């Protein structure tokens, strides 16, 4: 499942996406309108991967990112 968050304030216009697949977490981030950069991190278990993704999502929400609704 992929979740997308956006931060649009002042001169900032950026996105951040997280998706969990089995034991890996893939993060895609960048300026809105671009393909962005991708990073994938492997974990020992699916539970550890999900826990990491949840922690990263909470951090982005604290920073003011808003989750977008899939179209």
PDB file of N, CA and C in Angstrom:
ATOM      1  N   UNK A   1       0.839  -1.175   0.000  1.00  0.00           N
ATOM      2  CA  UNK A   1       0.000   0.000   0.000  1.00  0.00           C
ATOM      3  C   UNK A   1       0.887   1.242   0.000  1.00  0.00           C
ATOM      4  N   UNK A   2       0.579   2.181  -0.889  1.00  0.00           N
ATOM      5  CA  UNK A   2       1.365   3.404  -0.980  1.00  0.00           C
ATOM      6  C   UNK A   2       0.560   4.544  -0.364  1.00  0.00           C
ATOM      7  N   UNK A   3       1.240   5.339   0.446  1.00  0.00           N
ATOM      8  CA  UNK A   3       0.633   6.532   1.040  1.00  0.00           C
ATOM      9  C   UNK A   3       1.436   7.742   0.605  1.00  0.00           C
ATOM     10  N   UNK A   4       0.736   8.808   0.175  1.00  0.00           N
ATOM     11  CA  UNK A   4       1.386  10.014  -0.328  1.00  0.00           C
ATOM     12  C   UNK A   4       1.021  11.205   0.554  1.00  0.00           C
ATOM     13  N   UNK A   5       2.022  12.015   0.827  1.00  0.00           N
ATOM     14  CA  UNK A   5       1.861  13.214   1.643  1.00  0.00           C
ATOM     15  C   UNK A   5       2.446  14.388   0.875  1.00  0.00           C
ATOM     16  N   UNK A   6       1.844  15.562   1.041  1.00  0.00           N
ATOM     17  CA  UNK A   6       2.345  16.758   0.370  1.00  0.00           C
ATOM     18  C   UNK A   6       2.499  17.894   1.365  1.00  0.00           C
ATOM     19  N   UNK A   7       3.482  18.735   1.082  1.00  0.00           N
ATOM     20  CA  UNK A   7       3.745  19.914   1.905  1.00  0.00           C
ATOM     21  C   UNK A   7       3.803  21.106   0.964  1.00  0.00           C
ATOM     22  N   UNK A   8       2.807  21.994   1.059  1.00  0.00           N
ATOM     23  CA  UNK A   8       2.760  23.187   0.214  1.00  0.00           C
ATOM     24  C   UNK A   8       2.592  24.380   1.137  1.00  0.00           C
ATOM     25  N   UNK A   9       3.663  25.159   1.255  1.00  0.00           N
ATOM     26  CA  UNK A   9       3.656  26.326   2.130  1.00  0.00           C
ATOM     27  C   UNK A   9       4.768  27.261   1.686  1.00  0.00           C
ATOM     28  N   UNK A  10       4.442  28.541   1.494  1.00  0.00           N
ATOM     29  CA  UNK A  10       5.466  29.498   1.048  1.00  0.00           C
ATOM     30  C   UNK A  10       6.043  29.071  -0.286  1.00  0.00           C
ATOM     31  N   UNK A  11       7.367  28.955  -0.354  1.00  0.00           N
ATOM     32  CA  UNK A  11       8.030  28.515  -1.586  1.00  0.00           C
ATOM     33  C   UNK A  11       8.145  27.001  -1.675  1.00  0.00           C
ATOM     34  N   UNK A  12       7.743  26.284  -0.634  1.00  0.00           N
ATOM     35  CA  UNK A  12       7.840  24.827  -0.627  1.00  0.00           C
ATOM     36  C   UNK A  12       6.642  24.203  -1.327  1.00  0.00           C
ATOM     37  N   UNK A  13       6.922  23.208  -2.138  1.00  0.00           N
ATOM     38  CA  UNK A  13       5.887  22.437  -2.823  1.00  0.00           C
ATOM     39  C   UNK A  13       6.483  21.058  -3.060  1.00  0.00           C
ATOM     40  N   UNK A  14       6.380  20.188  -2.052  1.00  0.00           N
ATOM     41  CA  UNK A  14       7.055  18.897  -2.147  1.00  0.00           C
ATOM     42  C   UNK A  14       6.142  17.750  -1.739  1.00  0.00           C
ATOM     43  N   UNK A  15       6.536  16.547  -2.156  1.00  0.00           N
ATOM     44  CA  UNK A  15       5.772  15.356  -1.824  1.00  0.00           C
ATOM     45  C   UNK A  15       6.683  14.313  -1.187  1.00  0.00           C
ATOM     46  N   UNK A  16       6.044  13.350  -0.542  1.00  0.00           N
ATOM     47  CA  UNK A  16       6.756  12.254   0.110  1.00  0.00           C
ATOM     48  C   UNK A  16       5.822  11.051   0.082  1.00  0.00           C
ATOM     49  N   UNK A  17       6.281   9.924  -0.428  1.00  0.00           N
ATOM     50  CA  UNK A  17       5.472   8.712  -0.517  1.00  0.00           C
ATOM     51  C   UNK A  17       6.179   7.567   0.185  1.00  0.00           C
ATOM     52  N   UNK A  18       5.398   6.724   0.835  1.00  0.00           N
ATOM     53  CA  UNK A  18       5.947   5.536   1.489  1.00  0.00           C
ATOM     54  C   UNK A  18       5.125   4.328   1.070  1.00  0.00           C
ATOM     55  N   UNK A  19       5.810   3.242   0.733  1.00  0.00           N
ATOM     56  CA  UNK A  19       5.116   1.987   0.447  1.00  0.00           C
ATOM     57  C   UNK A  19       5.886   0.844   1.094  1.00  0.00           C
ATOM     58  N   UNK A  20       5.125  -0.094   1.662  1.00  0.00           N
ATOM     59  CA  UNK A  20       5.703  -1.255   2.340  1.00  0.00           C
ATOM     60  C   UNK A  20       5.373  -2.485   1.507  1.00  0.00           C
ATOM     61  N   UNK A  21       6.388  -3.282   1.218  1.00  0.00           N
ATOM     62  CA  UNK A  21       6.203  -4.518   0.482  1.00  0.00           C
ATOM     63  C   UNK A  21       7.035  -5.601   1.158  1.00  0.00           C
ATOM     64  N   UNK A  22       6.348  -6.505   1.828  1.00  0.00           N
ATOM     65  CA  UNK A  22       6.998  -7.592   2.569  1.00  0.00           C
ATOM     66  C   UNK A  22       7.997  -7.002   3.574  1.00  0.00           C
ATOM     67  N   UNK A  23       9.294  -7.199   3.371  1.00  0.00           N
ATOM     68  CA  UNK A  23      10.308  -6.739   4.329  1.00  0.00           C
ATOM     69  C   UNK A  23      11.016  -5.462   3.888  1.00  0.00           C
ATOM     70  N   UNK A  24      10.453  -4.735   2.914  1.00  0.00           N
ATOM     71  CA  UNK A  24      11.122  -3.522   2.451  1.00  0.00           C
ATOM     72  C   UNK A  24      10.184  -2.321   2.488  1.00  0.00           C
ATOM     73  N   UNK A  25      10.792  -1.155   2.675  1.00  0.00           N
ATOM     74  CA  UNK A  25      10.080   0.117   2.658  1.00  0.00           C
ATOM     75  C   UNK A  25      10.708   0.963   1.557  1.00  0.00           C
ATOM     76  N   UNK A  26       9.869   1.459   0.660  1.00  0.00           N
ATOM     77  CA  UNK A  26      10.340   2.319  -0.420  1.00  0.00           C
ATOM     78  C   UNK A  26       9.790   3.716  -0.192  1.00  0.00           C
ATOM     79  N   UNK A  27      10.689   4.687  -0.202  1.00  0.00           N
ATOM     80  CA  UNK A  27      10.340   6.095  -0.021  1.00  0.00           C
ATOM     81  C   UNK A  27      10.649   6.815  -1.333  1.00  0.00           C
ATOM     82  N   UNK A  28       9.684   7.610  -1.803  1.00  0.00           N
ATOM     83  CA  UNK A  28       9.887   8.462  -2.978  1.00  0.00           C
ATOM     84  C   UNK A  28       9.575   9.884  -2.526  1.00  0.00           C
ATOM     85  N   UNK A  29      10.480  10.814  -2.834  1.00  0.00           N
ATOM     86  CA  UNK A  29      10.281  12.187  -2.381  1.00  0.00           C
ATOM     87  C   UNK A  29      10.848  13.166  -3.390  1.00  0.00           C
ATOM     88  N   UNK A  30      10.318  14.397  -3.355  1.00  0.00           N
ATOM     89  CA  UNK A  30      10.830  15.428  -4.247  1.00  0.00           C
ATOM     90  C   UNK A  30       9.845  16.568  -4.377  1.00  0.00           C
ATOM     91  N   UNK A  31      10.081  17.414  -5.366  1.00  0.00           N
ATOM     92  CA  UNK A  31       9.187  18.538  -5.630  1.00  0.00           C
ATOM     93  C   UNK A  31       7.970  18.029  -6.385  1.00  0.00           C
ATOM     94  N   UNK A  32       6.814  18.582  -6.074  1.00  0.00           N
ATOM     95  CA  UNK A  32       5.590  18.198  -6.767  1.00  0.00           C
ATOM     96  C   UNK A  32       5.754  18.516  -8.246  1.00  0.00           C
ATOM     97  N   UNK A  33       5.391  17.562  -9.087  1.00  0.00           N
ATOM     98  CA  UNK A  33       5.530  17.714 -10.530  1.00  0.00           C
ATOM     99  C   UNK A  33       6.745  17.016 -11.096  1.00  0.00           C
ATOM    100  N   UNK A  34       7.611  16.479 -10.226  1.00  0.00           N
ATOM    101  CA  UNK A  34       8.781  15.730 -10.678  1.00  0.00           C
ATOM    102  C   UNK A  34       8.612  14.264 -10.295  1.00  0.00           C
ATOM    103  N   UNK A  35       9.469  13.399 -10.851  1.00  0.00           N
ATOM    104  CA  UNK A  35       9.445  11.984 -10.511  1.00  0.00           C
ATOM    105  C   UNK A  35      10.001  11.751  -9.105  1.00  0.00           C
ATOM    106  N   UNK A  36      10.861  12.636  -8.648  1.00  0.00           N
ATOM    107  CA  UNK A  36      11.449  12.514  -7.316  1.00  0.00           C
ATOM    108  C   UNK A  36      12.568  11.495  -7.248  1.00  0.00           C
ATOM    109  N   UNK A  37      13.080  11.330  -6.044  1.00  0.00           N
ATOM    110  CA  UNK A  37      14.151  10.368  -5.764  1.00  0.00           C
ATOM    111  C   UNK A  37      13.558   9.190  -5.021  1.00  0.00           C
ATOM    112  N   UNK A  38      14.132   8.011  -5.224  1.00  0.00           N
ATOM    113  CA  UNK A  38      13.624   6.803  -4.575  1.00  0.00           C
ATOM    114  C   UNK A  38      14.704   6.153  -3.727  1.00  0.00           C
ATOM    115  N   UNK A  39      14.293   5.713  -2.533  1.00  0.00           N
ATOM    116  CA  UNK A  39      15.191   4.981  -1.635  1.00  0.00           C
ATOM    117  C   UNK A  39      14.446   3.767  -1.102  1.00  0.00           C
ATOM    118  N   UNK A  40      15.108   2.607  -1.085  1.00  0.00           N
ATOM    119  CA  UNK A  40      14.500   1.389  -0.553  1.00  0.00           C
ATOM    120  C   UNK A  40      15.370   0.860   0.566  1.00  0.00           C
ATOM    121  N   UNK A  41      14.724   0.453   1.648  1.00  0.00           N
ATOM    122  CA  UNK A  41      15.433  -0.067   2.811  1.00  0.00           C
ATOM    123  C   UNK A  41      14.832  -1.428   3.166  1.00  0.00           C
ATOM    124  N   UNK A  42      15.694  -2.409   3.422  1.00  0.00           N
ATOM    125  CA  UNK A  42      15.270  -3.770   3.764  1.00  0.00           C
ATOM    126  C   UNK A  42      15.279  -3.960   5.280  1.00  0.00           C
ATOM    127  N   UNK A  43      14.333  -4.768   5.771  1.00  0.00           N
ATOM    128  CA  UNK A  43      14.212  -5.057   7.198  1.00  0.00           C
ATOM    129  C   UNK A  43      14.147  -6.563   7.420  1.00  0.00           C
ATOM    130  N   UNK A  44      14.336  -6.975   8.662  1.00  0.00           N
ATOM    131  CA  UNK A  44      14.373  -8.392   8.994  1.00  0.00           C
ATOM    132  C   UNK A  44      13.001  -9.060   8.903  1.00  0.00           C
ATOM    133  N   UNK A  45      11.940  -8.280   9.096  1.00  0.00           N
ATOM    134  CA  UNK A  45      10.591  -8.857   9.065  1.00  0.00           C
ATOM    135  C   UNK A  45       9.608  -7.836   8.504  1.00  0.00           C
ATOM    136  N   UNK A  46       8.453  -8.316   8.034  1.00  0.00           N
ATOM    137  CA  UNK A  46       7.419  -7.382   7.565  1.00  0.00           C
ATOM    138  C   UNK A  46       6.944  -6.442   8.678  1.00  0.00           C
ATOM    139  N   UNK A  47       6.884  -6.931   9.899  1.00  0.00           N
ATOM    140  CA  UNK A  47       6.454  -6.099  11.026  1.00  0.00           C
ATOM    141  C   UNK A  47       7.446  -4.957  11.270  1.00  0.00           C
ATOM    142  N   UNK A  48       8.732  -5.248  11.157  1.00  0.00           N
ATOM    143  CA  UNK A  48       9.755  -4.212  11.351  1.00  0.00           C
ATOM    144  C   UNK A  48       9.669  -3.170  10.239  1.00  0.00           C
ATOM    145  N   UNK A  49       9.392  -3.614   9.015  1.00  0.00           N
ATOM    146  CA  UNK A  49       9.254  -2.686   7.893  1.00  0.00           C
ATOM    147  C   UNK A  49       8.053  -1.774   8.116  1.00  0.00           C
ATOM    148  N   UNK A  50       6.927  -2.338   8.536  1.00  0.00           N
ATOM    149  CA  UNK A  50       5.730  -1.534   8.769  1.00  0.00           C
ATOM    150  C   UNK A  50       5.942  -0.549   9.913  1.00  0.00           C
ATOM    151  N   UNK A  51       6.628  -0.988  10.960  1.00  0.00           N
ATOM    152  CA  UNK A  51       6.904  -0.119  12.108  1.00  0.00           C
ATOM    153  C   UNK A  51       7.758   1.073  11.673  1.00  0.00           C
ATOM    154  N   UNK A  52       8.756   0.823  10.833  1.00  0.00           N
ATOM    155  CA  UNK A  52       9.610   1.903  10.332  1.00  0.00           C
ATOM    156  C   UNK A  52       8.790   2.888   9.495  1.00  0.00           C
ATOM    157  N   UNK A  53       7.955   2.376   8.612  1.00  0.00           N
ATOM    158  CA  UNK A  53       7.124   3.241   7.765  1.00  0.00           C
ATOM    159  C   UNK A  53       6.194   4.088   8.621  1.00  0.00           C
ATOM    160  N   UNK A  54       5.568   3.486   9.631  1.00  0.00           N
ATOM    161  CA  UNK A  54       4.667   4.222  10.520  1.00  0.00           C
ATOM    162  C   UNK A  54       5.397   5.351  11.242  1.00  0.00           C
ATOM    163  N   UNK A  55       6.630   5.076  11.666  1.00  0.00           N
ATOM    164  CA  UNK A  55       7.435   6.086  12.359  1.00  0.00           C
ATOM    165  C   UNK A  55       7.769   7.250  11.422  1.00  0.00           C
ATOM    166  N   UNK A  56       8.136   6.935  10.183  1.00  0.00           N
ATOM    167  CA  UNK A  56       8.470   7.974   9.205  1.00  0.00           C
ATOM    168  C   UNK A  56       7.233   8.812   8.860  1.00  0.00           C
ATOM    169  N   UNK A  57       6.082   8.159   8.721  1.00  0.00           N
ATOM    170  CA  UNK A  57       4.839   8.870   8.420  1.00  0.00           C
ATOM    171  C   UNK A  57       4.494   9.828   9.556  1.00  0.00           C
ATOM    172  N   UNK A  58       4.599   9.376  10.790  1.00  0.00           N
ATOM    173  CA  UNK A  58       4.302  10.229  11.944  1.00  0.00           C
ATOM    174  C   UNK A  58       5.220  11.449  11.960  1.00  0.00           C
ATOM    175  N   UNK A  59       6.467  11.255  11.595  1.00  0.00           N
ATOM    176  CA  UNK A  59       7.435  12.362  11.555  1.00  0.00           C
ATOM    177  C   UNK A  59       7.028  13.393  10.500  1.00  0.00           C
ATOM    178  N   UNK A  60       6.616  12.942   9.323  1.00  0.00           N
ATOM    179  CA  UNK A  60       6.202  13.866   8.254  1.00  0.00           C
ATOM    180  C   UNK A  60       4.940  14.632   8.659  1.00  0.00           C
ATOM    181  N   UNK A  61       3.998  13.953   9.297  1.00  0.00           N
ATOM    182  CA  UNK A  61       2.762  14.615   9.735  1.00  0.00           C
ATOM    183  C   UNK A  61       3.086  15.696  10.763  1.00  0.00           C
ATOM    184  N   UNK A  62       4.001  15.402  11.689  1.00  0.00           N
ATOM    185  CA  UNK A  62       4.427  16.405  12.677  1.00  0.00           C
ATOM    186  C   UNK A  62       5.041  17.626  11.995  1.00  0.00           C
ATOM    187  N   UNK A  63       5.706  17.419  10.867  1.00  0.00           N
ATOM    188  CA  UNK A  63       6.348  18.524  10.149  1.00  0.00           C
ATOM    189  C   UNK A  63       5.363  19.309   9.282  1.00  0.00           C
ATOM    190  N   UNK A  64       4.107  18.863   9.217  1.00  0.00           N
ATOM    191  CA  UNK A  64       3.100  19.618   8.483  1.00  0.00           C
ATOM    192  C   UNK A  64       2.663  19.033   7.165  1.00  0.00           C
ATOM    193  N   UNK A  65       3.163  17.861   6.810  1.00  0.00           N
ATOM    194  CA  UNK A  65       2.737  17.211   5.571  1.00  0.00           C
ATOM    195  C   UNK A  65       1.289  16.727   5.737  1.00  0.00           C
ATOM    196  N   UNK A  66       0.506  16.822   4.657  1.00  0.00           N
ATOM    197  CA  UNK A  66      -0.878  16.376   4.668  1.00  0.00           C
ATOM    198  C   UNK A  66      -1.030  15.203   3.702  1.00  0.00           C
ATOM    199  N   UNK A  67      -1.747  14.172   4.142  1.00  0.00           N
ATOM    200  CA  UNK A  67      -1.941  13.007   3.292  1.00  0.00           C
ATOM    201  C   UNK A  67      -2.934  13.333   2.185  1.00  0.00           C
ATOM    202  N   UNK A  68      -2.602  12.908   0.973  1.00  0.00           N
ATOM    203  CA  UNK A  68      -3.491  13.130  -0.162  1.00  0.00           C
ATOM    204  C   UNK A  68      -4.389  11.908  -0.332  1.00  0.00           C
ATOM    205  N   UNK A  69      -5.550  12.132  -0.902  1.00  0.00           N
ATOM    206  CA  UNK A  69      -6.496  11.041  -1.131  1.00  0.00           C
ATOM    207  C   UNK A  69      -6.231  10.483  -2.522  1.00  0.00           C
ATOM    208  N   UNK A  70      -6.061   9.146  -2.639  1.00  0.00           N
ATOM    209  CA  UNK A  70      -5.834   8.552  -3.972  1.00  0.00           C
ATOM    210  C   UNK A  70      -7.008   8.822  -4.896  1.00  0.00           C
ATOM    211  N   UNK A  71      -6.705   9.127  -6.148  1.00  0.00           N
ATOM    212  CA  UNK A  71      -7.768   9.420  -7.121  1.00  0.00           C
ATOM    213  C   UNK A  71      -8.117   8.180  -7.887  1.00  0.00           C
TER     214      UNK A  71
END
